[in-house]
Protein backbone atom coordinates (compact mmCIF):
# COMPACT_ATOMS: atom_id res chain seq x y z
CA MET A 1 19.68 45.12 72.57
CA PRO A 2 18.47 45.26 69.27
CA THR A 3 14.97 44.00 68.49
CA THR A 4 14.50 41.27 66.17
CA ARG A 5 11.75 42.13 63.76
CA LEU A 6 9.94 39.09 62.15
CA LYS A 7 9.36 39.59 58.44
CA ARG A 8 5.99 38.76 56.94
CA PRO A 9 6.36 36.12 54.22
CA ALA A 10 5.56 37.57 50.77
CA ILE A 11 2.27 36.47 49.31
CA TRP A 12 3.55 36.59 45.69
CA ARG A 13 5.69 33.34 45.68
CA PRO A 14 2.90 31.01 46.73
CA LEU A 15 0.29 32.83 44.52
CA ALA A 16 2.60 32.64 41.55
CA LEU A 17 3.27 28.90 42.25
CA THR A 18 -0.42 28.18 42.60
CA VAL A 19 -1.33 29.95 39.44
CA ALA A 20 1.48 28.03 37.47
CA LEU A 21 0.40 24.70 38.77
CA LEU A 22 -3.44 25.38 37.94
CA GLY A 23 -2.41 26.45 34.50
CA PHE A 24 -0.23 23.24 33.96
CA GLN A 25 -3.22 21.31 35.21
CA GLY A 26 -5.56 23.02 32.91
CA TYR A 27 -3.21 22.38 29.90
CA LEU A 28 -2.91 18.63 30.86
CA GLY A 29 -6.68 18.47 31.17
CA PHE A 30 -7.23 19.94 27.69
CA SER A 31 -4.68 17.65 26.23
CA ALA A 32 -6.46 14.77 27.72
CA ILE A 33 -9.65 15.61 26.13
CA GLY A 34 -9.03 17.60 22.95
CA GLY A 35 -5.33 17.03 22.17
CA GLN A 36 -3.73 15.00 19.45
CA PHE A 37 -4.03 11.80 21.41
CA GLY A 38 -6.96 12.80 23.42
CA ILE A 39 -10.34 11.24 23.91
CA GLU A 40 -11.98 13.16 21.18
CA ASN A 41 -9.50 11.89 18.61
CA ARG A 42 -9.60 8.31 19.65
CA THR A 43 -12.00 7.34 16.76
CA GLU A 44 -9.70 8.81 14.18
CA ILE A 45 -6.79 6.89 15.63
CA LEU A 46 -8.60 3.64 15.50
CA LEU A 47 -9.64 4.28 11.90
CA ASP A 48 -6.03 4.95 11.12
CA ILE A 49 -4.97 1.70 12.70
CA ASP A 50 -7.50 -0.24 10.72
CA GLN A 51 -6.40 1.23 7.50
CA LEU A 52 -2.66 0.66 8.28
CA ARG A 53 -3.57 -3.08 9.27
CA ALA A 54 -5.34 -3.46 5.77
CA GLN A 55 -2.40 -1.84 3.88
CA SER A 56 -0.04 -4.05 5.80
CA SER A 57 -1.88 -7.15 5.09
CA ALA A 58 -2.07 -6.11 1.39
CA LEU A 59 1.79 -5.58 1.24
CA GLN A 60 2.43 -8.77 3.01
CA ALA A 61 0.26 -10.68 0.33
CA GLU A 62 2.36 -8.82 -2.19
CA ILE A 63 5.57 -9.90 -0.55
CA ASP A 64 4.33 -13.52 -0.39
CA ASP A 65 3.62 -13.34 -4.10
CA TYR A 66 7.15 -12.19 -4.92
CA ARG A 67 8.65 -14.96 -2.64
CA HIS A 68 6.62 -17.40 -4.42
CA ARG A 69 7.75 -16.29 -7.81
CA ALA A 70 11.28 -16.25 -6.62
CA THR A 71 11.05 -19.93 -5.37
CA LEU A 72 9.70 -20.83 -8.91
CA MET A 73 12.86 -19.42 -10.38
CA ASP A 74 15.09 -21.52 -7.98
CA PRO A 75 17.30 -23.69 -10.29
CA ARG A 76 16.77 -26.64 -8.09
CA ARG A 77 13.01 -26.38 -8.47
CA LEU A 78 12.73 -24.93 -11.84
CA ASP A 79 9.82 -26.25 -13.96
CA PRO A 80 10.51 -26.27 -17.68
CA ASP A 81 6.98 -25.71 -18.63
CA ILE A 82 6.82 -22.49 -16.64
CA VAL A 83 10.03 -21.25 -18.18
CA THR A 84 8.86 -21.95 -21.75
CA GLU A 85 5.49 -20.25 -20.85
CA ARG A 86 7.10 -17.22 -19.49
CA ALA A 87 9.69 -17.03 -22.41
CA ARG A 88 6.82 -17.27 -24.97
CA ALA A 89 4.67 -14.74 -23.44
CA LEU A 90 7.57 -12.29 -23.09
CA LEU A 91 9.00 -12.88 -26.67
CA ASN A 92 5.51 -13.17 -28.36
CA MET A 93 6.32 -16.39 -29.91
CA ALA A 94 4.61 -19.80 -30.18
CA ASN A 95 5.51 -23.34 -31.19
CA ALA A 96 4.08 -24.86 -34.39
CA ASP A 97 2.15 -27.32 -32.24
CA ASP A 98 0.42 -24.69 -30.09
CA ILE A 99 -3.15 -23.69 -30.57
CA ILE A 100 -3.52 -20.00 -30.63
CA ILE A 101 -6.90 -18.41 -29.82
CA MET A 102 -6.99 -14.71 -30.69
CA VAL A 103 -9.34 -12.73 -28.46
CA ASP A 104 -10.95 -9.16 -29.09
CA ARG A 105 -9.45 -6.91 -26.40
CA ASN A 106 -12.64 -4.77 -26.19
CA THR A 107 -15.26 -7.63 -25.69
CA GLY A 108 -12.88 -10.45 -24.26
CA GLU A 109 -14.60 -12.92 -26.67
CA PRO A 110 -12.70 -15.10 -29.16
CA ILE A 111 -12.36 -13.75 -32.76
CA SER A 112 -13.98 -16.71 -34.87
CA GLY A 113 -14.54 -16.01 -38.52
CA LYS A 114 -13.40 -12.36 -38.68
CA PHE A 115 -10.18 -13.10 -40.57
CA GLN A 116 -11.24 -16.37 -42.66
CA ASN A 117 -11.32 -14.43 -45.93
CA LEU A 118 -7.89 -12.77 -45.55
CA THR A 119 -4.78 -13.93 -47.02
CA THR A 120 -1.58 -14.83 -45.06
CA ASP A 121 0.03 -11.56 -46.00
CA GLU A 122 -3.06 -9.52 -44.94
CA LEU A 123 -3.11 -11.39 -41.50
CA ASN A 124 0.57 -10.74 -40.96
CA ALA A 125 0.10 -7.08 -41.60
CA ILE A 126 -2.80 -6.97 -39.10
CA ILE A 127 -0.79 -8.66 -36.51
CA GLU A 128 2.33 -6.60 -36.99
CA ALA A 129 0.33 -3.51 -36.88
CA ASP A 130 -0.95 -4.30 -33.41
CA THR A 131 1.41 -2.24 -31.14
CA THR A 132 -0.04 -4.00 -27.83
CA LEU A 133 1.84 -7.27 -28.68
């Protein structure tokens, strides 16, 4: 009768599994504290959220402004005064009844008596020479 010999279990398998699990647990612990979404980066994430919210509200205000402008151009609600005002501003033109106040671009103050002694031709030459119009 053959004898049955009991084989002693190898210690390497449980030891390798234990080392692998401890290494994975260490990785998860490091990620929870110092990883990209960890505890240490929480303040940076909150600052990014605040900046993105501010940017979102600024963009929403700009979108609302464009929507408002688009509704002003709706043919059913079109105001003739707004149309003539925009056309005059874009074409640099005025009616004979309009009062025009020239403003110095550097100071922002009205130009009062600067051009009183000039002739009409000289004034037209100054206005035509201004490239900002």
